[in-house]
């Protein structure tokens, strides 16, 4: 009995540590599709999400494909873009809609995520 309680506590602790480490970070691989800020290569918000909507600067995001993965960055390419754009994979802000969040939005600026929730500062 004591061993099963200890095992359960260890599993829950590991799950909590794993989840805490991913808040504000998008784990992407080449070929993944995400929605990204469409304001231009110099836009400071760099919002990315798993669902369509508006970026934190208020403009519609565009579907983009991950072309290259680097340390802390990805290169994205959308059909309407002339060339690839670099986006950070760790945001200063992230969607705070909880464990069932389907948008997984991150941004470098505060604002609302595509699901309408306020972004939460990543600490």
C-alpha atoms as a PDB file:
ATOM      1  CA  UNK A   1       0.000   0.000   0.000  1.00  0.00           C
ATOM      2  CA  UNK A   2       2.745   2.399   0.988  1.00  0.00           C
ATOM      3  CA  UNK A   3       4.702   1.642  -2.208  1.00  0.00           C
ATOM      4  CA  UNK A   4       1.672   2.336  -4.414  1.00  0.00           C
ATOM      5  CA  UNK A   5       1.067   5.699  -2.713  1.00  0.00           C
ATOM      6  CA  UNK A   6       4.735   6.633  -3.133  1.00  0.00           C
ATOM      7  CA  UNK A   7       4.624   5.539  -6.787  1.00  0.00           C
ATOM      8  CA  UNK A   8       1.491   7.639  -7.403  1.00  0.00           C
ATOM      9  CA  UNK A   9       3.093  10.698  -5.791  1.00  0.00           C
ATOM     10  CA  UNK A  10       6.222  10.311  -7.928  1.00  0.00           C
ATOM     11  CA  UNK A  11       4.197   9.938 -11.146  1.00  0.00           C
ATOM     12  CA  UNK A  12       2.093  13.013 -10.343  1.00  0.00           C
ATOM     13  CA  UNK A  13       5.202  15.030  -9.503  1.00  0.00           C
ATOM     14  CA  UNK A  14       6.895  14.044 -12.775  1.00  0.00           C
ATOM     15  CA  UNK A  15       3.764  14.918 -14.748  1.00  0.00           C
ATOM     16  CA  UNK A  16       3.565  18.320 -13.044  1.00  0.00           C
ATOM     17  CA  UNK A  17       7.234  19.044 -13.778  1.00  0.00           C
ATOM     18  CA  UNK A  18       6.831  17.985 -17.418  1.00  0.00           C
ATOM     19  CA  UNK A  19       3.728  20.147 -17.900  1.00  0.00           C
ATOM     20  CA  UNK A  20       5.291  23.158 -16.158  1.00  0.00           C
ATOM     21  CA  UNK A  21       8.275  22.986 -18.497  1.00  0.00           C
ATOM     22  CA  UNK A  22       6.135  23.291 -21.626  1.00  0.00           C
ATOM     23  CA  UNK A  23       3.955  26.311 -20.756  1.00  0.00           C
ATOM     24  CA  UNK A  24       4.918  29.063 -23.169  1.00  0.00           C
ATOM     25  CA  UNK A  25       6.865  26.793 -25.515  1.00  0.00           C
ATOM     26  CA  UNK A  26       5.748  25.207 -28.777  1.00  0.00           C
ATOM     27  CA  UNK A  27       7.393  21.919 -29.662  1.00  0.00           C
ATOM     28  CA  UNK A  28       7.353  21.823 -33.445  1.00  0.00           C
ATOM     29  CA  UNK A  29       8.907  19.637 -36.095  1.00  0.00           C
ATOM     30  CA  UNK A  30       9.466  20.080 -39.818  1.00  0.00           C
ATOM     31  CA  UNK A  31       6.191  19.664 -41.690  1.00  0.00           C
ATOM     32  CA  UNK A  32       3.930  20.793 -38.820  1.00  0.00           C
ATOM     33  CA  UNK A  33       1.320  23.421 -39.661  1.00  0.00           C
ATOM     34  CA  UNK A  34       0.587  26.294 -37.304  1.00  0.00           C
ATOM     35  CA  UNK A  35      -1.070  29.677 -37.537  1.00  0.00           C
ATOM     36  CA  UNK A  36       1.321  32.611 -37.379  1.00  0.00           C
ATOM     37  CA  UNK A  37       1.226  36.383 -37.272  1.00  0.00           C
ATOM     38  CA  UNK A  38       0.848  37.732 -40.802  1.00  0.00           C
ATOM     39  CA  UNK A  39       1.842  41.331 -40.077  1.00  0.00           C
ATOM     40  CA  UNK A  40       5.285  41.095 -41.632  1.00  0.00           C
ATOM     41  CA  UNK A  41       8.766  39.840 -40.904  1.00  0.00           C
ATOM     42  CA  UNK A  42       9.489  42.727 -38.529  1.00  0.00           C
ATOM     43  CA  UNK A  43       6.360  42.353 -36.358  1.00  0.00           C
ATOM     44  CA  UNK A  44       7.438  42.066 -32.710  1.00  0.00           C
ATOM     45  CA  UNK A  45       4.476  39.939 -31.523  1.00  0.00           C
ATOM     46  CA  UNK A  46       5.550  36.728 -33.310  1.00  0.00           C
ATOM     47  CA  UNK A  47       2.279  35.056 -32.300  1.00  0.00           C
ATOM     48  CA  UNK A  48       1.893  31.369 -33.193  1.00  0.00           C
ATOM     49  CA  UNK A  49      -1.026  29.051 -32.402  1.00  0.00           C
ATOM     50  CA  UNK A  50      -2.494  25.668 -33.287  1.00  0.00           C
ATOM     51  CA  UNK A  51      -5.832  27.202 -34.318  1.00  0.00           C
ATOM     52  CA  UNK A  52      -6.798  30.158 -36.548  1.00  0.00           C
ATOM     53  CA  UNK A  53      -7.652  33.542 -35.157  1.00  0.00           C
ATOM     54  CA  UNK A  54      -6.119  36.936 -34.539  1.00  0.00           C
ATOM     55  CA  UNK A  55      -2.603  37.516 -33.277  1.00  0.00           C
ATOM     56  CA  UNK A  56      -1.976  39.704 -30.237  1.00  0.00           C
ATOM     57  CA  UNK A  57      -1.510  42.731 -32.489  1.00  0.00           C
ATOM     58  CA  UNK A  58      -5.066  42.267 -33.783  1.00  0.00           C
ATOM     59  CA  UNK A  59      -4.505  40.980 -37.319  1.00  0.00           C
ATOM     60  CA  UNK A  60      -5.616  37.636 -38.750  1.00  0.00           C
ATOM     61  CA  UNK A  61      -3.032  34.886 -38.551  1.00  0.00           C
ATOM     62  CA  UNK A  62      -2.159  32.769 -41.577  1.00  0.00           C
ATOM     63  CA  UNK A  63      -1.574  29.017 -41.842  1.00  0.00           C
ATOM     64  CA  UNK A  64       2.142  28.349 -42.178  1.00  0.00           C
ATOM     65  CA  UNK A  65       4.300  25.263 -42.461  1.00  0.00           C
ATOM     66  CA  UNK A  66       7.417  24.574 -40.389  1.00  0.00           C
ATOM     67  CA  UNK A  67      10.310  24.397 -42.841  1.00  0.00           C
ATOM     68  CA  UNK A  68      13.251  24.271 -40.423  1.00  0.00           C
ATOM     69  CA  UNK A  69      13.706  23.829 -36.669  1.00  0.00           C
ATOM     70  CA  UNK A  70      16.618  25.512 -34.893  1.00  0.00           C
ATOM     71  CA  UNK A  71      17.464  26.021 -31.229  1.00  0.00           C
ATOM     72  CA  UNK A  72      14.648  28.240 -29.906  1.00  0.00           C
ATOM     73  CA  UNK A  73      13.365  29.174 -33.383  1.00  0.00           C
ATOM     74  CA  UNK A  74      11.511  27.808 -36.388  1.00  0.00           C
ATOM     75  CA  UNK A  75      11.410  28.935 -39.960  1.00  0.00           C
ATOM     76  CA  UNK A  76       7.816  29.171 -41.214  1.00  0.00           C
ATOM     77  CA  UNK A  77       6.509  29.541 -44.759  1.00  0.00           C
ATOM     78  CA  UNK A  78       2.983  30.586 -45.691  1.00  0.00           C
ATOM     79  CA  UNK A  79       1.619  30.528 -49.245  1.00  0.00           C
ATOM     80  CA  UNK A  80       1.207  34.317 -49.224  1.00  0.00           C
ATOM     81  CA  UNK A  81       4.773  34.990 -48.025  1.00  0.00           C
ATOM     82  CA  UNK A  82       7.543  35.546 -50.526  1.00  0.00           C
ATOM     83  CA  UNK A  83      10.102  33.859 -48.261  1.00  0.00           C
ATOM     84  CA  UNK A  84      10.381  32.026 -44.941  1.00  0.00           C
ATOM     85  CA  UNK A  85      10.089  33.904 -41.645  1.00  0.00           C
ATOM     86  CA  UNK A  86      11.761  33.165 -38.344  1.00  0.00           C
ATOM     87  CA  UNK A  87       9.624  32.776 -35.187  1.00  0.00           C
ATOM     88  CA  UNK A  88      10.671  32.122 -31.587  1.00  0.00           C
ATOM     89  CA  UNK A  89       9.360  28.854 -30.144  1.00  0.00           C
ATOM     90  CA  UNK A  90       9.210  30.219 -26.596  1.00  0.00           C
ATOM     91  CA  UNK A  91       6.813  33.052 -25.895  1.00  0.00           C
ATOM     92  CA  UNK A  92       6.903  35.732 -23.236  1.00  0.00           C
ATOM     93  CA  UNK A  93       3.124  35.187 -23.087  1.00  0.00           C
ATOM     94  CA  UNK A  94       1.033  32.041 -23.560  1.00  0.00           C
ATOM     95  CA  UNK A  95      -2.626  31.134 -23.730  1.00  0.00           C
ATOM     96  CA  UNK A  96      -3.989  30.475 -20.247  1.00  0.00           C
ATOM     97  CA  UNK A  97      -7.100  28.486 -21.187  1.00  0.00           C
ATOM     98  CA  UNK A  98      -5.944  25.438 -19.240  1.00  0.00           C
ATOM     99  CA  UNK A  99      -5.062  21.805 -19.760  1.00  0.00           C
ATOM    100  CA  UNK A 100      -7.692  21.301 -22.476  1.00  0.00           C
ATOM    101  CA  UNK A 101      -6.375  24.241 -24.503  1.00  0.00           C
ATOM    102  CA  UNK A 102      -6.476  23.540 -28.221  1.00  0.00           C
ATOM    103  CA  UNK A 103      -4.854  26.756 -29.397  1.00  0.00           C
ATOM    104  CA  UNK A 104      -1.463  26.459 -27.615  1.00  0.00           C
ATOM    105  CA  UNK A 105      -0.831  30.094 -28.509  1.00  0.00           C
ATOM    106  CA  UNK A 106       2.422  31.866 -27.673  1.00  0.00           C
ATOM    107  CA  UNK A 107       3.400  35.482 -28.266  1.00  0.00           C
ATOM    108  CA  UNK A 108       6.091  37.994 -27.441  1.00  0.00           C
ATOM    109  CA  UNK A 109       3.372  40.583 -26.615  1.00  0.00           C
ATOM    110  CA  UNK A 110       0.391  40.501 -24.237  1.00  0.00           C
ATOM    111  CA  UNK A 111      -3.115  40.308 -25.639  1.00  0.00           C
ATOM    112  CA  UNK A 112      -5.771  37.735 -26.451  1.00  0.00           C
ATOM    113  CA  UNK A 113      -5.147  34.303 -27.879  1.00  0.00           C
ATOM    114  CA  UNK A 114      -7.245  32.867 -30.741  1.00  0.00           C
ATOM    115  CA  UNK A 115      -9.701  31.226 -28.304  1.00  0.00           C
ATOM    116  CA  UNK A 116     -10.427  34.651 -26.764  1.00  0.00           C
ATOM    117  CA  UNK A 117      -8.634  34.140 -23.436  1.00  0.00           C
ATOM    118  CA  UNK A 118      -6.089  36.648 -22.205  1.00  0.00           C
ATOM    119  CA  UNK A 119      -2.487  35.587 -22.651  1.00  0.00           C
ATOM    120  CA  UNK A 120      -0.629  34.951 -19.390  1.00  0.00           C
ATOM    121  CA  UNK A 121       2.934  36.089 -18.774  1.00  0.00           C
ATOM    122  CA  UNK A 122       5.329  33.136 -18.821  1.00  0.00           C
ATOM    123  CA  UNK A 123       7.450  33.041 -15.702  1.00  0.00           C
END
